[in-house]
Structures are given as structure tokens and as C-alpha cells.
Protein backbone atom coordinates (compact mmCIF):
# COMPACT_ATOMS: atom_id res chain seq x y z
CA MET A 1 0.00 0.00 0.00
CA ASP A 2 1.92 3.00 -1.24
CA PRO A 3 0.79 6.50 -0.40
CA GLY A 4 -1.46 7.89 -3.05
CA SER A 5 -0.97 10.99 -5.11
CA VAL A 6 -2.68 14.26 -4.24
CA GLY A 7 -6.37 13.69 -3.62
CA SER A 8 -6.34 9.93 -4.16
CA ILE A 9 -8.72 8.00 -1.87
CA SER A 10 -9.44 4.29 -1.80
CA ARG A 11 -13.18 3.51 -1.93
CA ARG A 12 -12.97 0.24 0.01
CA PHE A 13 -14.55 1.92 3.02
CA GLN A 14 -17.93 2.20 1.30
CA SER A 15 -18.96 -1.32 2.27
CA PRO A 16 -20.91 -1.41 5.55
CA ARG A 17 -19.48 -4.84 6.39
CA PHE A 18 -15.75 -5.27 6.91
CA ARG A 19 -13.68 -8.32 6.13
CA PRO A 20 -10.26 -9.07 7.67
CA SER A 21 -8.71 -9.56 4.24
CA THR A 22 -9.77 -6.12 3.05
CA PRO A 23 -9.17 -3.55 5.78
CA VAL A 24 -10.38 -0.04 5.24
CA VAL A 25 -7.69 1.97 3.48
CA ILE A 26 -7.69 5.69 2.77
CA ARG A 27 -4.70 7.33 1.18
CA GLY A 28 -3.69 10.90 1.82
CA PRO A 29 -1.81 13.43 -0.24
CA LEU A 30 1.82 14.43 -0.25
CA VAL A 31 1.90 18.21 -0.31
CA ALA A 32 5.21 20.03 -0.72
CA GLY A 33 6.25 22.83 1.59
CA TRP A 34 5.68 23.86 5.17
CA GLY A 35 2.65 25.88 6.14
CA ARG A 36 3.04 29.05 8.12
CA GLY A 37 1.54 27.35 11.14
CA LEU A 38 4.48 24.93 11.27
CA LEU A 39 7.32 27.38 10.75
CA GLY A 40 8.02 27.35 14.47
CA LEU A 41 8.63 23.60 14.47
CA VAL A 42 12.15 23.70 13.06
CA PHE A 43 14.77 21.50 14.63
CA PRO A 44 16.80 22.88 17.53
CA ALA A 45 20.36 24.07 16.95
CA GLY A 46 22.62 21.12 16.27
CA GLY A 47 19.77 18.89 15.08
CA ALA A 48 18.64 15.62 16.66
CA ARG A 49 20.37 12.27 16.90
CA SER A 50 17.37 10.58 15.27
CA GLN A 51 14.57 11.96 13.18
CA LEU A 52 12.13 10.99 10.48
CA PRO A 53 12.99 11.87 6.87
CA ARG A 54 11.39 14.60 4.80
CA PRO A 55 9.25 13.88 2.87
CA CYS A 56 7.87 11.14 5.07
CA ARG A 57 5.50 8.20 4.54
CA VAL A 58 3.44 6.86 7.43
CA LEU A 59 0.86 4.14 7.95
CA VAL A 60 -1.97 5.34 10.19
CA LEU A 61 -3.86 2.68 12.16
CA LEU A 62 -7.09 4.18 13.48
CA ASN A 63 -9.82 2.68 15.63
CA PRO A 64 -13.06 4.41 14.53
CA ARG A 65 -14.93 3.12 17.60
CA GLY A 66 -12.40 4.19 20.20
CA GLY A 67 -13.31 6.71 22.90
CA LYS A 68 -16.36 8.69 21.88
CA GLY A 69 -16.37 7.17 18.38
CA LYS A 70 -15.15 10.35 16.65
CA ALA A 71 -11.60 9.33 15.78
CA LEU A 72 -12.04 9.40 11.99
CA GLN A 73 -13.75 12.79 12.12
CA LEU A 74 -10.95 14.15 14.30
CA PHE A 75 -8.32 12.77 11.95
CA ARG A 76 -9.87 14.62 9.03
CA SER A 77 -10.34 17.89 10.88
CA HIS A 78 -7.25 18.09 13.12
CA VAL A 79 -4.56 15.72 11.84
CA GLN A 80 -4.75 15.55 8.06
CA PRO A 81 -4.28 19.31 7.42
CA LEU A 82 -1.11 19.39 9.55
CA LEU A 83 0.32 16.31 7.85
CA ALA A 84 -0.27 17.90 4.44
CA GLN A 85 1.64 21.02 5.47
CA ALA A 86 4.52 18.97 6.86
CA ASP A 87 5.33 16.84 3.78
CA ILE A 88 3.95 13.72 5.45
CA SER A 89 1.95 11.38 3.22
CA PHE A 90 -0.22 8.73 4.80
CA THR A 91 -2.25 5.62 4.23
CA LEU A 92 -5.09 5.25 6.72
CA MET A 93 -6.31 1.84 7.81
CA LEU A 94 -9.38 1.50 10.03
CA THR A 95 -9.32 -1.37 12.49
CA GLU A 96 -12.44 -3.53 12.64
CA ARG A 97 -12.15 -5.59 15.82
CA ARG A 98 -10.00 -6.38 18.81
CA ASN A 99 -6.42 -7.41 17.87
CA HIS A 100 -6.93 -6.38 14.24
CA ALA A 101 -4.00 -3.94 14.40
CA ARG A 102 -1.88 -6.68 15.96
CA GLU A 103 -2.62 -8.96 13.04
CA LEU A 104 -2.01 -6.25 10.46
CA VAL A 105 1.48 -5.30 11.67
CA GLN A 106 2.49 -8.95 11.94
CA VAL A 107 2.38 -9.24 8.13
CA GLU A 108 2.79 -5.64 6.97
CA GLU A 109 5.77 -4.80 4.73
CA LEU A 110 7.27 -2.28 7.12
CA GLY A 111 9.90 -1.07 4.66
CA ARG A 112 7.20 0.94 2.88
CA TRP A 113 6.75 3.23 5.88
CA ASP A 114 8.94 5.63 7.77
CA ALA A 115 6.70 5.34 10.85
CA LEU A 116 3.56 3.69 12.18
CA VAL A 117 1.01 6.17 13.54
CA VAL A 118 -1.53 4.81 16.03
CA MET A 119 -4.68 6.89 16.53
CA SER A 120 -6.84 5.55 19.33
CA GLY A 121 -6.36 4.91 23.04
CA ASP A 122 -3.43 3.16 24.70
CA GLY A 123 -4.83 -0.29 23.90
CA LEU A 124 -4.19 0.02 20.16
CA MET A 125 -0.52 0.92 20.72
CA HIS A 126 -0.33 -2.17 22.95
CA GLU A 127 -1.63 -4.26 20.04
CA VAL A 128 0.83 -2.76 17.57
CA VAL A 129 3.92 -3.25 19.75
CA ASN A 130 3.00 -6.85 20.58
CA GLY A 131 2.29 -7.53 16.92
CA LEU A 132 5.74 -6.23 16.00
CA MET A 133 7.35 -8.38 18.71
CA GLU A 134 5.59 -11.49 17.34
CA ARG A 135 7.11 -11.13 13.87
CA PRO A 136 10.00 -13.39 12.80
CA ASP A 137 12.04 -10.23 12.22
CA TRP A 138 11.05 -8.72 15.59
CA GLU A 139 14.52 -7.33 16.29
CA THR A 140 14.28 -5.17 13.19
CA ALA A 141 10.52 -4.54 13.30
CA ILE A 142 10.52 -3.07 16.82
CA ARG A 143 12.89 -0.35 15.64
CA LYS A 144 10.23 1.08 13.34
CA PRO A 145 9.34 4.54 14.74
CA LEU A 146 5.91 4.86 16.33
CA CYS A 147 3.61 7.79 16.98
CA SER A 148 0.67 8.01 19.40
CA LEU A 149 -2.28 10.23 18.46
CA PRO A 150 -4.94 10.32 21.21
CA ALA A 151 -8.49 9.39 20.26
CA GLY A 152 -9.52 6.90 22.92
CA SER A 153 -10.84 7.04 26.45
CA GLY A 154 -7.39 6.36 27.88
CA ASN A 155 -4.66 8.55 26.36
CA ALA A 156 -1.90 8.21 28.93
CA LEU A 157 0.96 7.59 26.50
CA ALA A 158 0.06 10.64 24.41
CA ALA A 159 -0.25 12.76 27.57
CA SER A 160 3.19 11.60 28.69
CA LEU A 161 4.77 12.47 25.35
CA ASN A 162 3.03 15.86 25.51
CA HIS A 163 4.56 16.37 28.98
CA TYR A 164 8.06 15.32 27.91
CA ALA A 165 7.91 17.81 25.03
CA GLY A 166 7.34 20.66 27.48
CA TYR A 167 3.73 21.37 26.55
CA GLU A 168 1.15 22.28 29.18
CA GLN A 169 -1.21 19.52 30.29
CA VAL A 170 -4.18 19.55 27.92
CA THR A 171 -6.92 17.14 26.84
CA ASN A 172 -9.11 16.20 23.88
CA GLU A 173 -8.49 18.12 20.64
CA ASP A 174 -5.68 20.22 22.14
CA LEU A 175 -3.77 17.08 23.10
CA LEU A 176 -4.39 15.60 19.66
CA THR A 177 -3.05 18.75 17.99
CA ASN A 178 0.07 18.77 20.18
CA CYS A 179 0.84 15.14 19.43
CA THR A 180 0.32 15.70 15.71
CA LEU A 181 2.77 18.60 15.87
CA LEU A 182 5.29 16.28 17.53
CA LEU A 183 4.98 13.98 14.53
CA CYS A 184 5.41 16.93 12.19
CA ARG A 185 8.62 17.90 14.00
CA ARG A 186 9.99 14.45 13.06
CA LEU A 187 12.11 14.17 16.20
CA LEU A 188 12.37 10.68 17.69
CA ALA A 189 12.98 9.70 21.31
CA PRO A 190 13.80 6.25 22.72
CA MET A 191 11.35 4.77 25.22
CA ASN A 192 11.50 1.89 27.68
CA LEU A 193 9.59 -1.35 27.08
CA LEU A 194 8.24 -3.63 29.81
CA SER A 195 8.47 -7.39 29.25
CA LEU A 196 5.90 -9.44 31.19
CA GLN A 197 5.75 -13.17 32.00
CA THR A 198 2.70 -14.86 33.51
CA ALA A 199 2.19 -18.14 35.39
CA SER A 200 0.24 -19.57 32.46
CA GLY A 201 3.26 -19.11 30.17
CA LEU A 202 2.10 -15.97 28.40
CA ARG A 203 4.75 -13.44 27.40
CA LEU A 204 3.70 -9.97 26.39
CA PHE A 205 5.03 -6.42 26.25
CA SER A 206 3.75 -3.21 27.77
CA VAL A 207 4.35 0.32 26.58
CA LEU A 208 2.67 2.03 29.52
CA SER A 209 1.61 0.20 32.67
CA LEU A 210 0.45 -2.83 34.60
CA ALA A 211 -2.23 -2.20 37.22
CA TRP A 212 -3.79 -4.54 39.78
CA GLY A 213 -6.56 -3.83 42.24
CA PHE A 214 -8.39 -0.53 42.39
CA ILE A 215 -7.12 0.97 39.11
CA ALA A 216 -7.68 -2.21 37.11
CA ASP A 217 -11.19 -2.57 38.52
CA VAL A 218 -12.01 1.00 37.52
CA ASP A 219 -10.79 0.18 33.99
CA LEU A 220 -13.03 -2.89 33.83
CA GLU A 221 -16.14 -1.51 35.50
CA SER A 222 -16.12 1.80 33.59
CA GLU A 223 -16.05 0.08 30.21
CA LYS A 224 -19.82 0.49 29.90
CA PHE A 225 -19.32 4.27 30.11
CA ARG A 226 -16.82 4.36 27.22
CA ARG A 227 -18.84 6.98 25.33
CA LEU A 228 -18.05 9.45 28.11
CA GLY A 229 -14.38 9.47 27.09
CA GLU A 230 -11.97 9.95 29.98
CA MET A 231 -14.86 10.96 32.23
CA ARG A 232 -15.61 7.23 32.45
CA PHE A 233 -12.60 6.83 34.78
CA THR A 234 -13.78 9.62 37.10
CA LEU A 235 -17.20 8.01 37.36
CA GLY A 236 -15.65 4.57 37.81
CA THR A 237 -13.41 5.89 40.60
CA PHE A 238 -16.37 7.17 42.61
CA LEU A 239 -18.28 3.93 42.11
CA ARG A 240 -15.34 1.80 43.22
CA LEU A 241 -14.66 4.05 46.24
CA ALA A 242 -18.21 3.35 47.40
CA ALA A 243 -17.33 -0.35 47.62
CA LEU A 244 -13.60 -0.31 48.32
CA ARG A 245 -11.92 -3.69 48.10
CA VAL A 246 -8.75 -5.16 49.57
CA TYR A 247 -6.62 -7.51 47.44
CA GLN A 248 -4.31 -10.12 48.91
CA GLY A 249 -1.03 -10.96 47.26
CA THR A 250 2.76 -10.95 47.44
CA LEU A 251 4.76 -8.11 45.88
CA ALA A 252 8.53 -8.13 45.32
CA TYR A 253 10.76 -5.85 43.30
CA LEU A 254 14.35 -5.10 42.29
CA PRO A 255 15.11 -1.49 43.24
CA ALA A 256 16.99 0.51 40.62
CA GLU A 257 19.64 1.50 43.14
CA ARG A 258 20.70 -2.13 43.64
CA VAL A 259 21.19 -3.03 40.00
CA VAL A 260 24.50 -1.30 39.38
CA SER A 261 26.30 -3.58 41.83
CA GLN A 262 24.48 -6.74 40.81
CA VAL A 263 25.29 -8.82 37.75
CA PRO A 264 22.20 -10.59 36.38
CA ALA A 265 22.29 -14.37 36.46
CA PRO A 266 22.71 -16.11 33.10
CA PRO A 267 19.31 -16.85 31.59
CA SER A 268 18.10 -20.44 31.59
CA VAL A 269 18.01 -22.41 28.35
CA GLU A 270 14.21 -22.22 28.40
CA ARG A 271 14.22 -18.42 28.56
CA GLN A 272 16.95 -18.17 25.89
CA ASP A 273 14.59 -19.96 23.49
CA GLN A 274 11.87 -17.34 23.92
CA GLN A 275 11.34 -14.78 21.18
CA GLY A 276 12.16 -11.28 22.32
CA PRO A 277 14.85 -9.77 24.54
CA THR A 278 16.20 -11.82 27.42
CA ASP A 279 14.78 -10.95 30.84
CA ALA A 280 18.12 -11.32 32.60
CA HIS A 281 16.86 -10.11 35.99
CA LEU A 282 13.98 -12.60 36.19
CA VAL A 283 14.00 -16.20 37.39
CA PRO A 284 11.19 -18.68 36.67
CA LEU A 285 7.98 -17.85 38.53
CA GLU A 286 8.02 -21.15 40.38
CA GLU A 287 11.35 -20.15 42.00
CA PRO A 288 11.78 -17.60 44.82
CA VAL A 289 12.94 -14.15 43.82
CA PRO A 290 16.72 -13.57 44.09
CA PRO A 291 18.01 -12.56 47.54
CA HIS A 292 18.91 -9.01 46.51
CA TRP A 293 15.25 -8.25 45.68
CA THR A 294 12.93 -6.53 48.16
CA VAL A 295 9.86 -8.46 49.31
CA VAL A 296 7.07 -6.21 50.61
CA PRO A 297 6.09 -7.50 54.08
CA GLU A 298 2.44 -6.47 53.75
CA GLN A 299 0.14 -8.72 51.75
CA ASP A 300 -3.06 -6.65 51.76
CA PHE A 301 -3.24 -3.99 49.05
CA VAL A 302 -5.70 -1.53 47.60
CA LEU A 303 -3.71 -1.17 44.38
CA VAL A 304 -0.38 -1.92 42.72
CA LEU A 305 0.79 0.07 39.69
CA ALA A 306 3.92 -0.39 37.56
CA LEU A 307 4.17 2.68 35.31
CA LEU A 308 6.66 3.43 32.53
CA HIS A 309 5.64 7.04 31.94
CA SER A 310 4.48 10.21 33.65
CA HIS A 311 0.72 9.97 33.06
CA LEU A 312 -1.96 7.39 33.72
CA GLY A 313 -4.50 9.43 31.73
CA SER A 314 -4.57 12.83 30.05
CA GLU A 315 -5.57 14.36 33.40
CA MET A 316 -3.78 11.91 35.69
CA PHE A 317 -0.21 13.12 36.30
CA ALA A 318 0.69 10.00 38.24
CA ALA A 319 4.51 10.29 38.27
CA PRO A 320 5.55 13.92 38.90
CA MET A 321 8.95 12.82 40.23
CA GLY A 322 10.44 12.98 36.73
CA ARG A 323 10.97 10.81 33.71
CA CYS A 324 12.26 7.30 34.36
CA ALA A 325 15.90 6.53 33.76
CA ALA A 326 16.55 4.14 30.91
CA GLY A 327 15.74 0.64 32.11
CA THR A 328 13.63 1.71 35.11
CA MET A 329 9.95 2.21 35.88
CA HIS A 330 7.79 3.75 38.59
CA LEU A 331 6.29 1.31 41.10
CA PHE A 332 3.44 2.52 43.32
CA TYR A 333 1.40 0.55 45.79
CA VAL A 334 -1.27 1.48 48.32
CA ARG A 335 -1.52 -0.69 51.42
CA ALA A 336 -4.81 -1.69 52.97
CA GLY A 337 -6.03 0.61 55.72
CA VAL A 338 -6.19 3.80 53.69
CA SER A 339 -9.50 5.60 54.16
CA ARG A 340 -11.89 6.31 51.33
CA ALA A 341 -11.51 10.04 52.00
CA MET A 342 -7.71 9.91 51.68
CA LEU A 343 -7.86 7.77 48.55
CA LEU A 344 -10.27 10.25 46.98
CA ARG A 345 -7.96 13.15 47.88
CA LEU A 346 -5.04 11.33 46.29
CA PHE A 347 -6.89 10.73 43.02
CA LEU A 348 -8.20 14.30 42.85
CA ALA A 349 -4.71 15.69 43.51
CA MET A 350 -3.25 13.45 40.79
CA GLU A 351 -4.64 15.74 38.10
CA LYS A 352 -1.86 18.24 38.87
CA GLY A 353 0.64 15.69 40.14
CA ARG A 354 0.29 16.79 43.75
CA HIS A 355 -0.80 13.50 45.31
CA MET A 356 2.70 12.79 46.64
CA ASP A 357 2.55 16.04 48.64
CA TYR A 358 0.16 14.41 51.11
CA ASP A 359 2.93 12.10 52.37
CA CYS A 360 0.27 9.44 52.80
CA PRO A 361 1.78 6.58 54.87
CA TYR A 362 -0.23 4.03 52.90
CA LEU A 363 1.11 5.17 49.51
CA VAL A 364 4.58 3.82 48.67
CA TYR A 365 6.70 4.74 45.66
CA VAL A 366 10.01 3.23 44.51
CA PRO A 367 11.84 3.23 41.14
CA VAL A 368 12.52 -0.35 40.04
CA VAL A 369 13.85 -2.34 37.12
CA ALA A 370 11.82 -5.51 37.75
CA PHE A 371 8.95 -6.77 39.90
CA ARG A 372 6.88 -9.83 40.73
CA LEU A 373 3.24 -9.82 41.83
CA GLU A 374 1.42 -12.97 42.97
CA PRO A 375 -2.30 -12.60 43.77
CA LYS A 376 -3.37 -14.99 46.52
CA ASP A 377 -7.12 -15.31 46.16
CA GLY A 378 -7.58 -14.84 42.42
CA LYS A 379 -9.70 -11.75 42.97
CA GLY A 380 -9.40 -8.67 40.82
CA VAL A 381 -7.93 -8.36 37.36
CA PHE A 382 -4.80 -6.99 35.75
CA ALA A 383 -4.90 -4.12 33.29
CA VAL A 384 -1.92 -3.98 30.93
CA ASP A 385 -1.91 -0.73 28.95
CA GLY A 386 -5.61 -0.57 29.75
CA GLU A 387 -6.23 -4.05 28.32
CA LEU A 388 -7.62 -6.58 30.79
CA MET A 389 -6.01 -9.95 31.57
CA VAL A 390 -6.77 -12.65 34.11
CA SER A 391 -5.42 -12.44 37.64
CA GLU A 392 -2.42 -14.75 37.99
CA ALA A 393 1.19 -14.53 39.07
CA VAL A 394 3.10 -12.10 36.84
CA GLN A 395 6.58 -10.65 36.73
CA GLY A 396 8.19 -8.04 34.55
CA GLN A 397 11.45 -6.37 33.62
CA VAL A 398 12.11 -3.08 31.86
CA HIS A 399 14.26 -3.05 28.74
CA PRO A 400 15.96 0.33 28.24
CA ASP A 401 15.30 2.58 25.25
CA TYR A 402 13.77 -0.27 23.28
CA ILE A 403 11.23 1.51 21.07
CA TRP A 404 11.33 4.82 19.20
CA MET A 405 8.50 7.33 19.51
CA ALA A 406 7.80 10.60 17.75
CA GLY A 407 8.31 13.28 20.38
CA GLY A 408 10.82 16.00 21.21
CA CYS A 409 11.97 16.21 24.83
CA MET A 410 12.74 19.51 26.53
CA GLU A 411 14.94 17.60 28.97
CA PRO A 412 16.77 14.39 28.02
CA PRO A 413 15.88 11.35 30.10
CA PRO A 414 18.27 10.35 32.89
CA SER A 415 21.35 8.73 31.40
CA GLN A 416 21.62 5.95 33.96
CA LYS A 417 21.45 2.55 32.30
CA PRO A 418 21.33 0.08 35.17
CA GLN A 419 20.77 -3.09 33.18
CA GLN A 420 22.98 -5.18 30.95
CA GLY A 421 22.48 -5.11 27.21
CA ALA A 422 21.84 -2.41 24.65
CA PRO A 423 18.73 -1.01 22.97
CA PRO A 424 18.05 -2.32 19.48
CA GLY A 425 19.86 0.58 17.84
CA GLU A 426 18.82 3.44 15.59
CA PRO A 427 15.25 3.48 14.26
CA LEU A 428 14.64 2.12 10.80
């Protein structure tokens, strides 16, 4: 699917019924020259280490039912004009069902595109990254630059990229415009990737977060309010607070500060055979965690959250302590005993990133490179990048600077690289 000439549009989208073999495709124009509105988006002095070419060809994967169901309309009104001014041609593919984007990128000829643009919520980016990691050429495929354009009910990754670029915290169309401008700037930034292993043998990758307990329940129970956009999470929070639950489990983690002096154990033969990067800090789930890990003594929790980025939603500035160092992630947990009133204050203060100011004794934060979480009673669910999975023992390790995202950072991420190994190299 090559980008079309000026004004060319595929008519496949006219059929009211979609078939997997014929995804909706719309091609956009390549227009020469910058518009006046983009003149301020020139590269900083000295240029960038990595950037997209000009002109540029991108494949846009868009979920027309995401969020409030207006993604295609927003693409036409807010994204397409900016792409035209920035010498970025596109082919637009509309996803038709769950995991459709995952299937598409597994077989797509990636050499035709300079970047993959994902316009939906965080779940669609989750699909795309896992689809890339399931390809036979995963080591090359995962280096394809990605771009997140917010059009779902959960837009945490886009909000984080907006924050890293130095923009003010905004939502809805303003956030979409900012993220489109980041794509038009063509600057690329490396991002961490979280590898997850479950007791049932599943291996998957996260670009944003793993949540268990309160946050995951809000994700699940607010699904019926999806048409409200991000307001669904506010409503879900109040509903869950009214019937606050306690979740029993064992939590252990490898603090970032301990990694420099520790050499990871050689991976087992079984783990060496797995596709994807080696999780050198993890041992099989049936074995105890290594002795240099920290095991949390409490076993009653309200929530556990492993977070790779600054935001948990466009108005949830969950990690104001700064961008993670390469190879690390934020780990938060709330112990049982916290009152409903305090938990509500924490979530309300999170909009501006002021929840840590309360010094709540039940809220614990630590930067880590790996963790293990073992639910005891099977209650609750996990939410990985907003996508739900069954409650079972899970462990994860961060791989540093493993994917490339469109986004210019005002401040470079911390240079500490606590884990062995190197990122997959320059973007393709």
C-alpha cells in the first residue's frame, strides 16, 4: 500500500461490512512545503540524533470506535491538514475488531513506511507493539518509529509524550493537535519497554503500565461508560470508592539502586529460546525471587501500579517525580487501611501531580527495574496498557530505550542505564 498521489482516496470503506482480508484503506496526499503554522517547528540548533525523513510516509492505524467514536472525524479535521503542510503522506487503515491492528502489523511490509502512527487509546498501541514483537524479524521490526495520536478514552501515553515535550497539560483536541505537531517535527525519542511473563506461560510487552486492584477494577467496571471518554474513569473511581476492596497478594521488586552492583544471572536455556529480549533479571515464577530483591512484608493492598511514563491518563499526572531513567519504571502501591476520603484526595490531587505532597503513609513509591506480583485469592484483574487480563502470578522487567517514539523532549531522560544489554539501535 503505497501513499497515493494528491487527492487519491481508496473507496474500500464504502462497504458497511468489513472483512479481515480487506481492511479499510484511505490514502492521503503528499503536499510540498511547510505551512506558516508549522514554521516554528524547526529542529533545535545542532539537530537531533534521530529523526524521520522529509518527505515522510506513514501508515496510520485508526480505531473508529475508540473513545467517543469520533476518531475518523478528528483525523480529518485536526490531523490531516497538519500532515499535508509537513510533507507527510499517509495511508489510513481503520481497524475492525480487537487485535486487528496486531494482526495487520504482523504481516505488513514495514519497509514501505517511515513510521507507524496509532490513533486511538493506549490499547491500540499495545496491540501494535506486541504484533511487531511477534514477527519473525522482531529485532528489526521493533525499531520502526511509532507515533501516538490520542483518540480513545485512555490517552496516557500521548499525555506523557506531551509532557516530555514541554507542553502544558491539555486534553481532547488540544492534546491531539500537540501530538500531531510532535509527529510533524519528526524528532524521535527512545522509550523503555516492559516485558511481562505470567504463570500460564504468556509473554507480552507493555508500553505504559500494569495495574492490579483498584485501578484495574475501575478500567473494567467503567467500560460500559466508554462513550463518556476519559470521564468514564472519574465516574468509575467514585463507584469503586463506594465499595472499596482489599486484594491479597505478594509483591517483590528489584530497586533501581541495587542493580549497578548486581550482575544478572545467566538466563536459563528455556528463557533463551523465547522470542524477544532476554529478561536477565527474572527467574522462573516457580522459584523464589533472588536474595537481593525486596519483598514487601504487607500482603493486603488496595492497588499496585507499575508505570513506565508520567501519566496514567490525560488528566492523571501519576509520576511527577520525573521521567524514568533508561531501564527503570515507577512502582506505586497502596496498602490496605487507607481511608476512602484519603484515597479520593489522592486521586483528585493526581490531576496536577500533587498526590505525593500528602505524604500518605499508605502510599509507597520506589523506582525499580523488575517486579513480581502474585495474587493470593484470584480476585481482581490486571490491566496492561488498559487491556484486561486474568489475575495470575506475573513478573516483569524493563528493557531500556527499546522503542522509538515521535516526540521531542525539553529535557533528556536520565542517562543511567542500570541493566545489561543495549537497545536495538537506531530506528529504521
